Each structure stands twice: as structure tokens, then as C-alpha cells.
Amino acid sequence: MSTSKQPDPRKRTATAAAPAPDGFETPTQAARPGAKQRIPVLDLQKIGEIHVDTGRPELAINFLSDFMKLLQARMSRILAALTAEDPQASVKATLRLKNTANMAGAPEIEGHCINILARLAARDFELSRASAAALKRCVDRMTSASPILLDQVKIHLASNPPTPQGS
């Protein structure tokens, strides 16, 4: 009898490759030379909601594609605001990425943004910048995996026509 943890089949996600059994690697594993990086995950239900709302899969794909294309620019705004220790600009830039990450189904990016916002609320720019470094690594992984993730989302949307909520 195997005691390995099985993924929840009810949770639909897209990843750039097969994850470790628990879905993530520990920081120690990721720091080792030659260690695999954590895999970005998308919550397909969020993109599915856009598909349902619009009735057109290409609009959902375009939204996700635009989100991924803008990741580095949004990240640069966060880093610049944190470096300048500008609380308003830092919060504004972080909220923009957090909100779009939520809509795009990028929970790891959203979680890092929430972490930065909590540190900004405490006016701790040093810890905010440290949290932003972790966010930057996540954004870099998502950006480099974006072609694969977009392909997986296209396949998912094509094989799962929208069903309006409440039907």
C-alpha cells in the first residue's frame, strides 16, 4: 500500500512539467546546483470563468497571454517603487499585480504580492524587498514557462466547453 500523496483530481491546474509528489520542492532542494525549479501553476478554473463569461476561449487565452507578457513590466514597477521606498507607488504596483494574478489564476504570484503588501503595511521596506526577490523568481519561472502553460490552457479550454454557472 502506497502512502504517497495523490493530487486532488477536482483541482484543475496547468503546470509546465510534472511536479514533485507534493507539487513543490523545499527551498533547500531548489538551492542545490542542478536542482529543478518550482513549477508555476495556473488555476484553470479562473481562466474557465473568463471563458464562461465571454463564451469565447480566445478571449480567455488573450487575457492570460497579456497577463504573462506584462509580468516583467509589472515586476519592474514593484522593484522600482520598493527601491525608492515610495509606499503609495509600492502598494499600487503590488496591488495591480496581485489583482491580475488572481484573475489569471496565478495563486503563487498572488500569494507573494499579499506577503509584500503585509510588509508594506508595517512600513518594512527591507523585508518587502526580500519578499519581492521571491516574487521575482516566481515571475521569471512563469515568464519562461508561459508558452507551455498557454498551450496547456488552450488544450484545456478546447476540451472543456463553457457551462454557465447555475445551469
C-alpha atoms as a PDB file:
ATOM      1  CA  MET A   1       0.000   0.000   0.000  1.00  0.00           C
ATOM      2  CA  SER A   2       1.492   3.307  -1.116  1.00  0.00           C
ATOM      3  CA  THR A   3       1.439   6.257   1.245  1.00  0.00           C
ATOM      4  CA  SER A   4       2.342   8.831  -1.393  1.00  0.00           C
ATOM      5  CA  LYS A   5       0.096  11.840  -1.608  1.00  0.00           C
ATOM      6  CA  GLN A   6      -2.092  11.832  -4.729  1.00  0.00           C
ATOM      7  CA  PRO A   7      -3.170  15.124  -6.352  1.00  0.00           C
ATOM      8  CA  ASP A   8      -6.773  16.134  -5.881  1.00  0.00           C
ATOM      9  CA  PRO A   9      -8.457  15.402  -9.251  1.00  0.00           C
ATOM     10  CA  ARG A  10     -11.087  18.077  -8.532  1.00  0.00           C
ATOM     11  CA  LYS A  11      -8.434  20.803  -8.628  1.00  0.00           C
ATOM     12  CA  ARG A  12      -7.630  21.580 -12.254  1.00  0.00           C
ATOM     13  CA  THR A  13      -4.245  23.183 -12.781  1.00  0.00           C
ATOM     14  CA  ALA A  14      -1.765  23.608 -15.598  1.00  0.00           C
ATOM     15  CA  THR A  15       1.928  23.196 -14.923  1.00  0.00           C
ATOM     16  CA  ALA A  16       4.986  23.471 -17.126  1.00  0.00           C
ATOM     17  CA  ALA A  17       6.082  19.931 -16.229  1.00  0.00           C
ATOM     18  CA  ALA A  18       5.150  17.172 -13.840  1.00  0.00           C
ATOM     19  CA  PRO A  19       5.505  18.434 -10.257  1.00  0.00           C
ATOM     20  CA  ALA A  20       7.143  16.676  -7.351  1.00  0.00           C
ATOM     21  CA  PRO A  21       4.692  14.445  -5.416  1.00  0.00           C
ATOM     22  CA  ASP A  22       3.679  17.326  -3.154  1.00  0.00           C
ATOM     23  CA  GLY A  23       3.766  19.824  -6.011  1.00  0.00           C
ATOM     24  CA  PHE A  24       6.723  21.812  -4.711  1.00  0.00           C
ATOM     25  CA  GLU A  25      10.335  21.461  -3.732  1.00  0.00           C
ATOM     26  CA  THR A  26      11.726  22.709  -0.458  1.00  0.00           C
ATOM     27  CA  PRO A  27      13.936  25.830  -0.508  1.00  0.00           C
ATOM     28  CA  THR A  28      16.946  23.599   0.237  1.00  0.00           C
ATOM     29  CA  GLN A  29      16.200  21.425  -2.796  1.00  0.00           C
ATOM     30  CA  ALA A  30      15.747  24.452  -5.034  1.00  0.00           C
ATOM     31  CA  ALA A  31      19.043  25.976  -3.868  1.00  0.00           C
ATOM     32  CA  ARG A  32      21.118  22.922  -4.826  1.00  0.00           C
ATOM     33  CA  PRO A  33      23.031  23.212  -8.095  1.00  0.00           C
ATOM     34  CA  GLY A  34      21.204  21.230 -10.750  1.00  0.00           C
ATOM     35  CA  ALA A  35      18.007  21.080  -8.680  1.00  0.00           C
ATOM     36  CA  LYS A  36      14.750  21.504 -10.526  1.00  0.00           C
ATOM     37  CA  GLN A  37      12.976  24.797 -10.047  1.00  0.00           C
ATOM     38  CA  ARG A  38       9.480  25.016  -8.680  1.00  0.00           C
ATOM     39  CA  ILE A  39       6.900  24.748 -11.392  1.00  0.00           C
ATOM     40  CA  PRO A  40       4.467  27.606 -11.978  1.00  0.00           C
ATOM     41  CA  VAL A  41       0.858  26.586 -11.585  1.00  0.00           C
ATOM     42  CA  LEU A  42      -2.259  28.112 -13.082  1.00  0.00           C
ATOM     43  CA  ASP A  43      -5.728  27.596 -11.667  1.00  0.00           C
ATOM     44  CA  LEU A  44      -7.669  26.642 -14.782  1.00  0.00           C
ATOM     45  CA  GLN A  45     -10.959  27.400 -13.067  1.00  0.00           C
ATOM     46  CA  LYS A  46     -10.125  31.131 -13.146  1.00  0.00           C
ATOM     47  CA  ILE A  47      -9.437  31.090 -16.887  1.00  0.00           C
ATOM     48  CA  GLY A  48     -12.537  28.923 -17.301  1.00  0.00           C
ATOM     49  CA  GLU A  49     -14.567  31.669 -15.624  1.00  0.00           C
ATOM     50  CA  ILE A  50     -13.400  34.160 -18.265  1.00  0.00           C
ATOM     51  CA  HIS A  51     -14.307  31.577 -20.916  1.00  0.00           C
ATOM     52  CA  VAL A  52     -17.792  31.202 -19.404  1.00  0.00           C
ATOM     53  CA  ASP A  53     -18.287  34.970 -19.032  1.00  0.00           C
ATOM     54  CA  THR A  54     -17.324  35.707 -22.630  1.00  0.00           C
ATOM     55  CA  GLY A  55     -18.310  32.465 -24.331  1.00  0.00           C
ATOM     56  CA  ARG A  56     -15.127  32.728 -26.369  1.00  0.00           C
ATOM     57  CA  PRO A  57     -11.981  30.760 -25.495  1.00  0.00           C
ATOM     58  CA  GLU A  58      -9.753  33.142 -27.470  1.00  0.00           C
ATOM     59  CA  LEU A  59     -10.634  35.997 -25.100  1.00  0.00           C
ATOM     60  CA  ALA A  60      -9.594  33.909 -22.101  1.00  0.00           C
ATOM     61  CA  ILE A  61      -6.351  32.942 -23.861  1.00  0.00           C
ATOM     62  CA  ASN A  62      -5.695  36.563 -24.840  1.00  0.00           C
ATOM     63  CA  PHE A  63      -6.217  37.694 -21.246  1.00  0.00           C
ATOM     64  CA  LEU A  64      -3.776  35.093 -19.945  1.00  0.00           C
ATOM     65  CA  SER A  65      -1.270  35.856 -22.703  1.00  0.00           C
ATOM     66  CA  ASP A  66      -1.414  39.586 -21.938  1.00  0.00           C
ATOM     67  CA  PHE A  67      -1.015  38.851 -18.226  1.00  0.00           C
ATOM     68  CA  MET A  68       2.153  36.864 -18.935  1.00  0.00           C
ATOM     69  CA  LYS A  69       3.536  39.479 -21.352  1.00  0.00           C
ATOM     70  CA  LEU A  70       3.083  42.202 -18.717  1.00  0.00           C
ATOM     71  CA  LEU A  71       4.605  40.254 -15.813  1.00  0.00           C
ATOM     72  CA  GLN A  72       8.138  41.606 -16.186  1.00  0.00           C
ATOM     73  CA  ALA A  73       6.958  45.223 -16.587  1.00  0.00           C
ATOM     74  CA  ARG A  74       4.720  44.942 -13.524  1.00  0.00           C
ATOM     75  CA  MET A  75       7.585  43.361 -11.588  1.00  0.00           C
ATOM     76  CA  SER A  76       9.906  46.218 -12.594  1.00  0.00           C
ATOM     77  CA  ARG A  77       7.398  48.766 -11.270  1.00  0.00           C
ATOM     78  CA  ILE A  78       7.226  46.957  -7.935  1.00  0.00           C
ATOM     79  CA  LEU A  79      11.016  46.775  -7.633  1.00  0.00           C
ATOM     80  CA  ALA A  80      11.474  50.451  -8.576  1.00  0.00           C
ATOM     81  CA  ALA A  81       8.854  51.602  -6.061  1.00  0.00           C
ATOM     82  CA  LEU A  82      10.368  49.463  -3.299  1.00  0.00           C
ATOM     83  CA  THR A  83      13.882  50.686  -4.087  1.00  0.00           C
ATOM     84  CA  ALA A  84      12.633  54.291  -3.892  1.00  0.00           C
ATOM     85  CA  GLU A  85      10.841  53.377  -0.641  1.00  0.00           C
ATOM     86  CA  ASP A  86       7.690  55.018  -2.001  1.00  0.00           C
ATOM     87  CA  PRO A  87       4.822  53.495  -0.003  1.00  0.00           C
ATOM     88  CA  GLN A  88       1.985  54.617  -2.301  1.00  0.00           C
ATOM     89  CA  ALA A  89       3.700  53.536  -5.520  1.00  0.00           C
ATOM     90  CA  SER A  90       4.763  50.245  -3.899  1.00  0.00           C
ATOM     91  CA  VAL A  91       1.238  49.415  -2.781  1.00  0.00           C
ATOM     92  CA  LYS A  92      -0.293  50.487  -6.105  1.00  0.00           C
ATOM     93  CA  ALA A  93       2.147  48.436  -8.205  1.00  0.00           C
ATOM     94  CA  THR A  94       1.816  45.383  -5.944  1.00  0.00           C
ATOM     95  CA  LEU A  95      -1.993  45.558  -5.895  1.00  0.00           C
ATOM     96  CA  ARG A  96      -2.099  45.709  -9.694  1.00  0.00           C
ATOM     97  CA  LEU A  97      -0.069  42.523  -9.997  1.00  0.00           C
ATOM     98  CA  LYS A  98      -1.960  40.824  -7.154  1.00  0.00           C
ATOM     99  CA  ASN A  99      -5.346  41.545  -8.714  1.00  0.00           C
ATOM    100  CA  THR A 100      -4.397  40.478 -12.220  1.00  0.00           C
ATOM    101  CA  ALA A 101      -2.701  37.350 -10.845  1.00  0.00           C
ATOM    102  CA  ASN A 102      -5.949  36.484  -9.087  1.00  0.00           C
ATOM    103  CA  MET A 103      -7.949  36.918 -12.291  1.00  0.00           C
ATOM    104  CA  ALA A 104      -5.386  34.936 -14.315  1.00  0.00           C
ATOM    105  CA  GLY A 105      -5.334  32.076 -11.812  1.00  0.00           C
ATOM    106  CA  ALA A 106      -1.717  32.542 -10.691  1.00  0.00           C
ATOM    107  CA  PRO A 107      -2.005  31.821  -6.949  1.00  0.00           C
ATOM    108  CA  GLU A 108       1.715  31.742  -6.200  1.00  0.00           C
ATOM    109  CA  ILE A 109       2.245  35.213  -7.658  1.00  0.00           C
ATOM    110  CA  GLU A 110      -0.835  36.468  -5.847  1.00  0.00           C
ATOM    111  CA  GLY A 111       0.450  35.000  -2.575  1.00  0.00           C
ATOM    112  CA  HIS A 112       3.829  36.712  -2.918  1.00  0.00           C
ATOM    113  CA  CYS A 113       2.029  40.011  -3.558  1.00  0.00           C
ATOM    114  CA  ILE A 114      -0.076  39.542  -0.429  1.00  0.00           C
ATOM    115  CA  ASN A 115       3.135  38.930   1.511  1.00  0.00           C
ATOM    116  CA  ILE A 116       4.687  42.143   0.154  1.00  0.00           C
ATOM    117  CA  LEU A 117       1.548  44.125   0.990  1.00  0.00           C
ATOM    118  CA  ALA A 118       1.645  42.886   4.590  1.00  0.00           C
ATOM    119  CA  ARG A 119       5.256  44.013   4.920  1.00  0.00           C
ATOM    120  CA  LEU A 120       4.413  47.371   3.343  1.00  0.00           C
ATOM    121  CA  ALA A 121       1.594  47.830   5.854  1.00  0.00           C
ATOM    122  CA  ALA A 122       4.272  47.545   8.542  1.00  0.00           C
ATOM    123  CA  ARG A 123       6.455  50.019   6.565  1.00  0.00           C
ATOM    124  CA  ASP A 124       9.205  47.417   6.393  1.00  0.00           C
ATOM    125  CA  PHE A 125      10.844  48.104   3.053  1.00  0.00           C
ATOM    126  CA  GLU A 126      13.780  45.800   3.745  1.00  0.00           C
ATOM    127  CA  LEU A 127      11.520  42.763   4.200  1.00  0.00           C
ATOM    128  CA  SER A 128       9.313  43.976   1.337  1.00  0.00           C
ATOM    129  CA  ARG A 129      12.335  43.916  -0.974  1.00  0.00           C
ATOM    130  CA  ALA A 130      13.264  40.433   0.257  1.00  0.00           C
ATOM    131  CA  SER A 131       9.714  39.278  -0.474  1.00  0.00           C
ATOM    132  CA  ALA A 132       9.896  40.967  -3.871  1.00  0.00           C
ATOM    133  CA  ALA A 133      13.019  38.930  -4.668  1.00  0.00           C
ATOM    134  CA  ALA A 134      10.985  35.750  -4.106  1.00  0.00           C
ATOM    135  CA  LEU A 135       8.201  37.189  -6.268  1.00  0.00           C
ATOM    136  CA  LYS A 136      10.749  37.997  -8.994  1.00  0.00           C
ATOM    137  CA  ARG A 137      11.920  34.368  -9.062  1.00  0.00           C
ATOM    138  CA  CYS A 138       8.302  33.237  -9.393  1.00  0.00           C
ATOM    139  CA  VAL A 139       7.612  35.772 -12.157  1.00  0.00           C
ATOM    140  CA  ASP A 140      10.755  34.636 -14.000  1.00  0.00           C
ATOM    141  CA  ARG A 141       9.599  30.999 -13.830  1.00  0.00           C
ATOM    142  CA  MET A 142       6.120  31.916 -15.056  1.00  0.00           C
ATOM    143  CA  THR A 143       7.538  34.009 -17.899  1.00  0.00           C
ATOM    144  CA  SER A 144       9.878  31.275 -19.092  1.00  0.00           C
ATOM    145  CA  ALA A 145       7.136  28.630 -18.857  1.00  0.00           C
ATOM    146  CA  SER A 146       4.455  30.790 -20.486  1.00  0.00           C
ATOM    147  CA  PRO A 147       4.483  29.137 -23.949  1.00  0.00           C
ATOM    148  CA  ILE A 148       3.947  25.705 -22.419  1.00  0.00           C
ATOM    149  CA  LEU A 149       1.327  26.951 -19.974  1.00  0.00           C
ATOM    150  CA  LEU A 150      -0.583  28.769 -22.721  1.00  0.00           C
ATOM    151  CA  ASP A 151      -0.592  25.615 -24.855  1.00  0.00           C
ATOM    152  CA  GLN A 152      -1.959  23.593 -21.940  1.00  0.00           C
ATOM    153  CA  VAL A 153      -4.686  26.170 -21.299  1.00  0.00           C
ATOM    154  CA  LYS A 154      -5.662  26.165 -24.996  1.00  0.00           C
ATOM    155  CA  ILE A 155      -5.993  22.382 -24.911  1.00  0.00           C
ATOM    156  CA  HIS A 156      -7.994  22.537 -21.684  1.00  0.00           C
ATOM    157  CA  LEU A 157     -10.411  25.172 -22.994  1.00  0.00           C
ATOM    158  CA  ALA A 158     -10.880  23.341 -26.287  1.00  0.00           C
ATOM    159  CA  SER A 159     -11.763  20.121 -24.494  1.00  0.00           C
ATOM    160  CA  ASN A 160     -13.964  21.781 -21.830  1.00  0.00           C
ATOM    161  CA  PRO A 161     -16.658  23.952 -23.416  1.00  0.00           C
ATOM    162  CA  PRO A 162     -18.085  26.532 -21.021  1.00  0.00           C
ATOM    163  CA  THR A 163     -21.115  25.660 -18.936  1.00  0.00           C
ATOM    164  CA  PRO A 164     -22.744  28.743 -17.387  1.00  0.00           C
ATOM    165  CA  GLN A 165     -22.873  28.784 -13.602  1.00  0.00           C
ATOM    166  CA  GLY A 166     -26.227  27.741 -12.198  1.00  0.00           C
ATOM    167  CA  SER A 167     -27.142  25.543 -15.190  1.00  0.00           C
END
